[in-house]
Amino acid sequence: MEKLIHSRSTIASLIFNGKMFHLLNPWHIEVDTNQETITIRKRNPFLIGFDEQIVSFRYIRSIMIDEHLFGADIHVKVVGGRASAYCISKSDARRIKNTLLEYNATKRGRGIIFS
């Protein structure tokens, strides 16, 4: 069951949630079940390069989705830190959550921590 999910902040969500400063540098989140990684990318404020955070999701402690009128924020807590992407669509946030939970169900006994 190999999946690659990619999502980015939506323009409507950024505008209606008061994050218009991020219209030029939205958040991108990618879940790769083949490599067991979550990658969060965001263009830095100087618009020259990207800031990238890669976490292994076999050590996930919790997944939190904060839904707004337009869009949702997703926070994935891992051992040793937290990864967050803001203002993505609600359906993409649910799809990412479901993908991580389905993947967790197939990997019993490999040390995935949900608490």
N, C-alpha and C. Protein backbone atom coordinates (compact mmCIF):
# COMPACT_ATOMS: atom_id res chain seq x y z
N MET A 1 0.83 -1.18 0.00
CA MET A 1 0.00 0.00 0.00
C MET A 1 0.88 1.24 0.00
N GLU A 2 1.36 1.61 -1.14
CA GLU A 2 2.23 2.78 -1.25
C GLU A 2 1.41 3.98 -1.68
N LYS A 3 1.51 5.05 -0.91
CA LYS A 3 0.78 6.26 -1.23
C LYS A 3 1.71 7.45 -1.12
N LEU A 4 1.44 8.43 -1.96
CA LEU A 4 2.13 9.71 -1.91
C LEU A 4 1.05 10.78 -1.95
N ILE A 5 0.91 11.52 -0.87
CA ILE A 5 -0.11 12.56 -0.78
C ILE A 5 0.60 13.90 -0.69
N HIS A 6 0.17 14.84 -1.50
CA HIS A 6 0.73 16.19 -1.46
C HIS A 6 -0.40 17.19 -1.34
N SER A 7 -0.21 18.18 -0.49
CA SER A 7 -1.19 19.24 -0.31
C SER A 7 -0.46 20.53 -0.03
N ARG A 8 -1.13 21.64 -0.29
CA ARG A 8 -0.55 22.95 0.03
C ARG A 8 -1.64 23.86 0.56
N SER A 9 -1.23 24.94 1.18
CA SER A 9 -2.19 25.91 1.71
C SER A 9 -3.03 26.47 0.58
N THR A 10 -4.33 26.64 0.85
CA THR A 10 -5.22 27.20 -0.16
C THR A 10 -5.29 28.72 0.00
N ILE A 11 -5.50 29.40 -1.10
CA ILE A 11 -5.55 30.87 -1.09
C ILE A 11 -6.72 31.36 -0.24
N ALA A 12 -7.89 30.75 -0.40
CA ALA A 12 -9.07 31.17 0.38
C ALA A 12 -8.82 31.00 1.87
N SER A 13 -8.23 29.89 2.26
CA SER A 13 -7.97 29.65 3.68
C SER A 13 -6.96 30.65 4.23
N LEU A 14 -5.93 30.95 3.48
CA LEU A 14 -4.94 31.93 3.93
C LEU A 14 -5.57 33.32 4.11
N ILE A 15 -6.44 33.72 3.18
CA ILE A 15 -7.07 35.04 3.25
C ILE A 15 -8.05 35.10 4.42
N PHE A 16 -8.95 34.13 4.51
CA PHE A 16 -10.00 34.18 5.53
C PHE A 16 -9.50 33.90 6.94
N ASN A 17 -8.34 33.30 7.08
CA ASN A 17 -7.77 33.04 8.41
C ASN A 17 -6.73 34.08 8.80
N GLY A 18 -6.62 35.16 8.03
CA GLY A 18 -5.74 36.26 8.39
C GLY A 18 -4.27 36.00 8.19
N LYS A 19 -3.92 35.09 7.31
CA LYS A 19 -2.51 34.79 7.06
C LYS A 19 -2.13 35.22 5.65
N MET A 20 -2.56 36.42 5.27
CA MET A 20 -2.31 36.91 3.91
C MET A 20 -0.83 37.10 3.62
N PHE A 21 -0.04 37.30 4.66
CA PHE A 21 1.40 37.43 4.49
C PHE A 21 2.00 36.18 3.85
N HIS A 22 1.34 35.05 4.01
CA HIS A 22 1.87 33.77 3.52
C HIS A 22 1.35 33.40 2.13
N LEU A 23 0.69 34.33 1.43
CA LEU A 23 0.20 34.02 0.09
C LEU A 23 1.35 33.69 -0.87
N LEU A 24 2.50 34.33 -0.69
CA LEU A 24 3.65 34.07 -1.55
C LEU A 24 4.48 32.87 -1.09
N ASN A 25 4.29 32.48 0.16
CA ASN A 25 5.06 31.35 0.68
C ASN A 25 4.17 30.40 1.49
N PRO A 26 3.26 29.68 0.81
CA PRO A 26 2.34 28.78 1.52
C PRO A 26 3.06 27.52 2.01
N TRP A 27 2.41 26.81 2.92
CA TRP A 27 2.92 25.55 3.44
C TRP A 27 2.59 24.43 2.46
N HIS A 28 3.52 23.50 2.31
CA HIS A 28 3.33 22.28 1.51
C HIS A 28 3.58 21.10 2.43
N ILE A 29 2.71 20.11 2.36
CA ILE A 29 2.90 18.90 3.15
C ILE A 29 2.82 17.70 2.22
N GLU A 30 3.74 16.77 2.41
CA GLU A 30 3.79 15.56 1.59
C GLU A 30 3.96 14.36 2.50
N VAL A 31 3.10 13.37 2.32
CA VAL A 31 3.18 12.13 3.09
C VAL A 31 3.56 11.02 2.13
N ASP A 32 4.66 10.35 2.41
CA ASP A 32 5.15 9.26 1.57
C ASP A 32 5.19 7.98 2.41
N THR A 33 4.24 7.08 2.16
CA THR A 33 4.19 5.84 2.94
C THR A 33 5.27 4.86 2.53
N ASN A 34 5.83 5.03 1.35
CA ASN A 34 6.91 4.15 0.91
C ASN A 34 8.17 4.41 1.72
N GLN A 35 8.52 5.68 1.92
CA GLN A 35 9.71 6.03 2.69
C GLN A 35 9.40 6.33 4.15
N GLU A 36 8.12 6.28 4.51
CA GLU A 36 7.67 6.53 5.87
C GLU A 36 8.07 7.91 6.37
N THR A 37 7.84 8.93 5.54
CA THR A 37 8.22 10.29 5.91
C THR A 37 7.07 11.27 5.69
N ILE A 38 7.09 12.32 6.48
CA ILE A 38 6.24 13.49 6.29
C ILE A 38 7.19 14.65 6.04
N THR A 39 6.98 15.34 4.92
CA THR A 39 7.82 16.47 4.56
C THR A 39 6.98 17.73 4.56
N ILE A 40 7.42 18.73 5.30
CA ILE A 40 6.74 20.03 5.30
C ILE A 40 7.72 21.04 4.75
N ARG A 41 7.28 21.73 3.68
CA ARG A 41 8.13 22.73 3.02
C ARG A 41 7.42 24.07 3.03
N LYS A 42 8.21 25.12 3.16
CA LYS A 42 7.69 26.48 3.12
C LYS A 42 8.80 27.37 2.60
N ARG A 43 8.46 28.17 1.62
CA ARG A 43 9.44 29.12 1.11
C ARG A 43 9.78 30.10 2.23
N ASN A 44 11.07 30.39 2.39
CA ASN A 44 11.45 31.28 3.48
C ASN A 44 10.99 32.72 3.20
N PRO A 45 10.96 33.57 4.21
CA PRO A 45 10.41 34.92 4.04
C PRO A 45 11.14 35.77 2.99
N PHE A 46 12.37 35.43 2.65
CA PHE A 46 13.11 36.21 1.66
C PHE A 46 12.84 35.74 0.24
N LEU A 47 12.02 34.69 0.09
CA LEU A 47 11.62 34.12 -1.21
C LEU A 47 12.80 33.61 -2.02
N ILE A 48 13.89 33.24 -1.35
CA ILE A 48 15.08 32.77 -2.05
C ILE A 48 15.19 31.24 -2.02
N GLY A 49 14.87 30.64 -0.90
CA GLY A 49 14.99 29.19 -0.77
C GLY A 49 13.82 28.63 -0.01
N PHE A 50 13.91 27.35 0.35
CA PHE A 50 12.85 26.67 1.08
C PHE A 50 13.36 26.23 2.45
N ASP A 51 12.48 26.29 3.43
CA ASP A 51 12.72 25.66 4.72
C ASP A 51 11.98 24.33 4.66
N GLU A 52 12.66 23.26 5.04
CA GLU A 52 12.08 21.93 4.91
C GLU A 52 12.26 21.15 6.20
N GLN A 53 11.19 20.49 6.62
CA GLN A 53 11.23 19.64 7.80
C GLN A 53 10.75 18.26 7.38
N ILE A 54 11.58 17.25 7.66
CA ILE A 54 11.24 15.88 7.31
C ILE A 54 11.23 15.06 8.60
N VAL A 55 10.12 14.38 8.84
CA VAL A 55 10.01 13.53 10.03
C VAL A 55 9.60 12.13 9.60
N SER A 56 10.08 11.16 10.34
CA SER A 56 9.68 9.78 10.12
C SER A 56 8.39 9.54 10.88
N PHE A 57 7.34 9.07 10.20
CA PHE A 57 6.08 8.93 10.90
C PHE A 57 5.90 7.58 11.56
N ARG A 58 6.93 6.80 11.63
CA ARG A 58 6.77 5.57 12.42
C ARG A 58 6.88 5.87 13.91
N TYR A 59 7.18 7.11 14.25
CA TYR A 59 7.26 7.54 15.64
C TYR A 59 6.23 8.62 15.96
N ILE A 60 5.04 8.54 15.41
CA ILE A 60 3.98 9.53 15.64
C ILE A 60 3.37 9.31 17.01
N ARG A 61 3.19 10.41 17.75
CA ARG A 61 2.52 10.33 19.05
C ARG A 61 1.07 10.77 18.93
N SER A 62 0.78 11.79 18.09
CA SER A 62 -0.61 12.23 17.94
C SER A 62 -0.76 13.03 16.65
N ILE A 63 -1.99 13.08 16.18
CA ILE A 63 -2.35 13.88 15.01
C ILE A 63 -3.50 14.78 15.43
N MET A 64 -3.36 16.08 15.22
CA MET A 64 -4.43 17.01 15.57
C MET A 64 -4.80 17.82 14.33
N ILE A 65 -6.09 17.88 14.05
CA ILE A 65 -6.59 18.68 12.94
C ILE A 65 -7.44 19.79 13.52
N ASP A 66 -7.09 21.03 13.23
CA ASP A 66 -7.82 22.20 13.70
C ASP A 66 -8.55 22.79 12.50
N GLU A 67 -9.87 22.52 12.41
CA GLU A 67 -10.65 22.98 11.27
C GLU A 67 -11.14 24.40 11.49
N HIS A 68 -11.10 25.20 10.43
CA HIS A 68 -11.59 26.57 10.42
C HIS A 68 -12.79 26.63 9.49
N LEU A 69 -13.38 27.82 9.35
CA LEU A 69 -14.47 27.99 8.40
C LEU A 69 -13.99 27.63 7.00
N PHE A 70 -12.80 28.10 6.64
CA PHE A 70 -12.16 27.74 5.37
C PHE A 70 -10.82 27.11 5.71
N GLY A 71 -10.67 25.84 5.40
CA GLY A 71 -9.39 25.16 5.57
C GLY A 71 -9.19 24.57 6.95
N ALA A 72 -8.01 23.99 7.14
CA ALA A 72 -7.67 23.35 8.40
C ALA A 72 -6.16 23.38 8.59
N ASP A 73 -5.74 23.30 9.85
CA ASP A 73 -4.34 23.16 10.20
C ASP A 73 -4.15 21.73 10.67
N ILE A 74 -3.00 21.14 10.34
CA ILE A 74 -2.71 19.79 10.80
C ILE A 74 -1.40 19.83 11.57
N HIS A 75 -1.42 19.20 12.74
CA HIS A 75 -0.25 19.14 13.61
C HIS A 75 0.03 17.67 13.88
N VAL A 76 1.23 17.25 13.58
CA VAL A 76 1.64 15.86 13.81
C VAL A 76 2.75 15.90 14.85
N LYS A 77 2.48 15.30 15.99
CA LYS A 77 3.46 15.28 17.07
C LYS A 77 4.25 13.99 16.96
N VAL A 78 5.55 14.12 16.88
CA VAL A 78 6.43 12.97 16.78
C VAL A 78 7.35 12.96 17.99
N VAL A 79 8.01 11.84 18.21
CA VAL A 79 8.96 11.76 19.31
C VAL A 79 10.07 12.77 19.05
N GLY A 80 10.21 13.73 19.95
CA GLY A 80 11.27 14.72 19.81
C GLY A 80 10.86 15.99 19.11
N GLY A 81 9.61 16.18 18.73
CA GLY A 81 9.22 17.42 18.06
C GLY A 81 7.81 17.41 17.54
N ARG A 82 7.54 18.38 16.68
CA ARG A 82 6.20 18.57 16.13
C ARG A 82 6.35 19.08 14.70
N ALA A 83 5.48 18.63 13.82
CA ALA A 83 5.43 19.11 12.44
C ALA A 83 4.04 19.68 12.19
N SER A 84 3.96 20.88 11.62
CA SER A 84 2.68 21.54 11.41
C SER A 84 2.61 22.14 10.03
N ALA A 85 1.42 22.04 9.42
CA ALA A 85 1.13 22.71 8.15
C ALA A 85 -0.19 23.43 8.34
N TYR A 86 -0.26 24.66 7.85
CA TYR A 86 -1.41 25.51 8.11
C TYR A 86 -2.20 25.80 6.84
N CYS A 87 -3.51 25.98 7.03
CA CYS A 87 -4.42 26.45 5.97
C CYS A 87 -4.51 25.52 4.77
N ILE A 88 -4.40 24.21 4.98
CA ILE A 88 -4.63 23.28 3.88
C ILE A 88 -6.13 22.99 3.83
N SER A 89 -6.60 22.35 2.79
CA SER A 89 -8.03 22.07 2.68
C SER A 89 -8.43 21.01 3.72
N LYS A 90 -9.69 21.07 4.14
CA LYS A 90 -10.19 20.12 5.14
C LYS A 90 -10.13 18.70 4.62
N SER A 91 -10.45 18.51 3.35
CA SER A 91 -10.45 17.15 2.80
C SER A 91 -9.02 16.58 2.74
N ASP A 92 -8.04 17.42 2.43
CA ASP A 92 -6.66 16.95 2.43
C ASP A 92 -6.19 16.61 3.84
N ALA A 93 -6.59 17.40 4.82
CA ALA A 93 -6.22 17.11 6.22
C ALA A 93 -6.80 15.77 6.66
N ARG A 94 -8.06 15.53 6.32
CA ARG A 94 -8.69 14.24 6.67
C ARG A 94 -8.03 13.09 5.93
N ARG A 95 -7.68 13.31 4.66
CA ARG A 95 -7.04 12.26 3.86
C ARG A 95 -5.67 11.91 4.43
N ILE A 96 -4.91 12.91 4.87
CA ILE A 96 -3.60 12.66 5.49
C ILE A 96 -3.78 11.88 6.78
N LYS A 97 -4.73 12.30 7.62
CA LYS A 97 -4.99 11.60 8.88
C LYS A 97 -5.37 10.15 8.61
N ASN A 98 -6.29 9.92 7.68
CA ASN A 98 -6.74 8.56 7.38
C ASN A 98 -5.61 7.71 6.82
N THR A 99 -4.76 8.29 5.98
CA THR A 99 -3.63 7.56 5.43
C THR A 99 -2.67 7.12 6.53
N LEU A 100 -2.38 8.02 7.47
CA LEU A 100 -1.48 7.67 8.57
C LEU A 100 -2.10 6.61 9.47
N LEU A 101 -3.41 6.70 9.72
CA LEU A 101 -4.06 5.69 10.56
C LEU A 101 -4.13 4.34 9.85
N GLU A 102 -4.41 4.33 8.54
CA GLU A 102 -4.42 3.07 7.79
C GLU A 102 -3.03 2.44 7.76
N TYR A 103 -2.01 3.27 7.58
CA TYR A 103 -0.65 2.76 7.56
C TYR A 103 -0.29 2.17 8.92
N ASN A 104 -0.73 2.84 9.99
CA ASN A 104 -0.47 2.35 11.34
C ASN A 104 -1.11 0.98 11.55
N ALA A 105 -2.29 0.77 11.00
CA ALA A 105 -2.99 -0.50 11.17
C ALA A 105 -2.27 -1.65 10.47
N THR A 106 -1.54 -1.37 9.41
CA THR A 106 -0.83 -2.43 8.68
C THR A 106 0.53 -2.76 9.29
N LYS A 107 1.02 -1.94 10.20
CA LYS A 107 2.37 -2.11 10.74
C LYS A 107 2.35 -2.45 12.22
N ARG A 108 1.59 -3.40 12.61
CA ARG A 108 1.51 -3.80 14.02
C ARG A 108 2.87 -4.31 14.51
N GLY A 109 3.26 -3.87 15.69
CA GLY A 109 4.47 -4.39 16.30
C GLY A 109 5.76 -3.78 15.79
N ARG A 110 5.70 -2.67 15.04
CA ARG A 110 6.93 -2.06 14.53
C ARG A 110 7.35 -0.85 15.34
N GLY A 111 6.68 -0.57 16.43
CA GLY A 111 7.12 0.51 17.29
C GLY A 111 6.45 1.84 17.03
N ILE A 112 5.33 1.87 16.34
CA ILE A 112 4.63 3.12 16.13
C ILE A 112 3.94 3.49 17.44
N ILE A 113 4.11 4.72 17.86
CA ILE A 113 3.61 5.14 19.16
C ILE A 113 2.47 6.12 18.96
N PHE A 114 1.25 5.71 19.29
CA PHE A 114 0.10 6.62 19.34
C PHE A 114 -0.30 6.71 20.79
N SER A 115 -0.25 7.91 21.35
CA SER A 115 -0.65 8.05 22.75
C SER A 115 -1.49 9.29 22.94
